[in-house]
Amino acid sequence: MAEQDNNEFTLELARLQQEHRDLDAAIEALHHSPAPDLLRLQRLKKRKLQLRDRISFLEDQITPDIIA
């Protein structure tokens, strides 16, 4: 069961990392547009932060705890 969970986490992690990179590109493109939509820009940045939190959580779940 743990191996299956690990595989699911890994797949979700890859998907979220790709979405994070896509949002990065979209935010960069909006910054360079002549009249950026500030509300859309704010929403994209908020979504990017949510993704970063979820990515961090998944990375913690995949990486085993090491007791020092």
C-alpha atoms as a PDB file:
ATOM      1  CA  MET A   1       0.000   0.000   0.000  1.00  0.00           C
ATOM      2  CA  ALA A   2       2.778   2.432   0.838  1.00  0.00           C
ATOM      3  CA  GLU A   3       4.437   1.814  -2.539  1.00  0.00           C
ATOM      4  CA  GLN A   4       1.183   2.590  -4.359  1.00  0.00           C
ATOM      5  CA  ASP A   5       0.726   5.773  -2.308  1.00  0.00           C
ATOM      6  CA  ASN A   6       4.305   6.750  -3.096  1.00  0.00           C
ATOM      7  CA  ASN A   7       3.666   6.264  -6.837  1.00  0.00           C
ATOM      8  CA  GLU A   8       0.488   8.346  -6.658  1.00  0.00           C
ATOM      9  CA  PHE A   9       2.330  11.095  -4.778  1.00  0.00           C
ATOM     10  CA  THR A  10       5.107  11.039  -7.373  1.00  0.00           C
ATOM     11  CA  LEU A  11       2.635  11.355 -10.259  1.00  0.00           C
ATOM     12  CA  GLU A  12       0.748  14.182  -8.568  1.00  0.00           C
ATOM     13  CA  LEU A  13       4.040  15.892  -7.737  1.00  0.00           C
ATOM     14  CA  ALA A  14       5.139  15.818 -11.383  1.00  0.00           C
ATOM     15  CA  ARG A  15       1.774  17.219 -12.513  1.00  0.00           C
ATOM     16  CA  LEU A  16       1.855  20.010  -9.953  1.00  0.00           C
ATOM     17  CA  GLN A  17       5.457  20.920 -10.777  1.00  0.00           C
ATOM     18  CA  GLN A  18       4.486  21.236 -14.444  1.00  0.00           C
ATOM     19  CA  GLU A  19       1.505  23.427 -13.549  1.00  0.00           C
ATOM     20  CA  HIS A  20       3.796  25.542 -11.346  1.00  0.00           C
ATOM     21  CA  ARG A  21       6.198  26.068 -14.270  1.00  0.00           C
ATOM     22  CA  ASP A  22       3.277  26.926 -16.571  1.00  0.00           C
ATOM     23  CA  LEU A  23       2.003  29.507 -14.088  1.00  0.00           C
ATOM     24  CA  ASP A  24       5.509  30.952 -13.864  1.00  0.00           C
ATOM     25  CA  ALA A  25       5.534  31.434 -17.635  1.00  0.00           C
ATOM     26  CA  ALA A  26       2.033  32.946 -17.621  1.00  0.00           C
ATOM     27  CA  ILE A  27       2.949  35.376 -14.837  1.00  0.00           C
ATOM     28  CA  GLU A  28       6.103  36.393 -16.687  1.00  0.00           C
ATOM     29  CA  ALA A  29       4.124  36.970 -19.894  1.00  0.00           C
ATOM     30  CA  LEU A  30       1.572  39.114 -18.027  1.00  0.00           C
ATOM     31  CA  HIS A  31       4.360  41.213 -16.529  1.00  0.00           C
ATOM     32  CA  HIS A  32       5.635  42.004 -20.016  1.00  0.00           C
ATOM     33  CA  SER A  33       2.239  42.797 -21.537  1.00  0.00           C
ATOM     34  CA  PRO A  34       1.521  46.477 -22.250  1.00  0.00           C
ATOM     35  CA  ALA A  35      -1.433  46.652 -19.834  1.00  0.00           C
ATOM     36  CA  PRO A  36      -1.240  43.761 -17.379  1.00  0.00           C
ATOM     37  CA  ASP A  37      -4.466  42.577 -15.753  1.00  0.00           C
ATOM     38  CA  LEU A  38      -3.506  43.050 -12.105  1.00  0.00           C
ATOM     39  CA  LEU A  39      -6.394  40.994 -10.730  1.00  0.00           C
ATOM     40  CA  ARG A  40      -5.529  38.045 -12.977  1.00  0.00           C
ATOM     41  CA  LEU A  41      -1.873  38.431 -12.051  1.00  0.00           C
ATOM     42  CA  GLN A  42      -2.751  38.340  -8.355  1.00  0.00           C
ATOM     43  CA  ARG A  43      -4.892  35.207  -8.821  1.00  0.00           C
ATOM     44  CA  LEU A  44      -2.127  33.437 -10.735  1.00  0.00           C
ATOM     45  CA  LYS A  45       0.394  34.256  -8.018  1.00  0.00           C
ATOM     46  CA  LYS A  46      -1.987  32.996  -5.331  1.00  0.00           C
ATOM     47  CA  ARG A  47      -2.512  29.734  -7.232  1.00  0.00           C
ATOM     48  CA  LYS A  48       1.244  29.401  -7.639  1.00  0.00           C
ATOM     49  CA  LEU A  49       1.708  29.727  -3.866  1.00  0.00           C
ATOM     50  CA  GLN A  50      -0.971  27.089  -3.259  1.00  0.00           C
ATOM     51  CA  LEU A  51       0.824  24.763  -5.644  1.00  0.00           C
ATOM     52  CA  ARG A  52       4.142  25.384  -3.901  1.00  0.00           C
ATOM     53  CA  ASP A  53       2.577  24.434  -0.562  1.00  0.00           C
ATOM     54  CA  ARG A  54       1.111  21.227  -2.015  1.00  0.00           C
ATOM     55  CA  ILE A  55       4.410  20.387  -3.738  1.00  0.00           C
ATOM     56  CA  SER A  56       6.263  20.806  -0.447  1.00  0.00           C
ATOM     57  CA  PHE A  57       3.750  18.550   1.301  1.00  0.00           C
ATOM     58  CA  LEU A  58       4.113  15.837  -1.344  1.00  0.00           C
ATOM     59  CA  GLU A  59       7.899  16.032  -1.271  1.00  0.00           C
ATOM     60  CA  ASP A  60       7.756  15.534   2.505  1.00  0.00           C
ATOM     61  CA  GLN A  61       5.497  12.511   2.053  1.00  0.00           C
ATOM     62  CA  ILE A  62       7.791  10.925  -0.552  1.00  0.00           C
ATOM     63  CA  THR A  63      11.035  11.571   1.303  1.00  0.00           C
ATOM     64  CA  PRO A  64      11.409   9.252   4.283  1.00  0.00           C
ATOM     65  CA  ASP A  65      12.044  10.784   7.684  1.00  0.00           C
ATOM     66  CA  ILE A  66      15.617  10.400   8.871  1.00  0.00           C
ATOM     67  CA  ILE A  67      16.085  10.291  12.592  1.00  0.00           C
ATOM     68  CA  ALA A  68      19.391  11.890  13.506  1.00  0.00           C
END
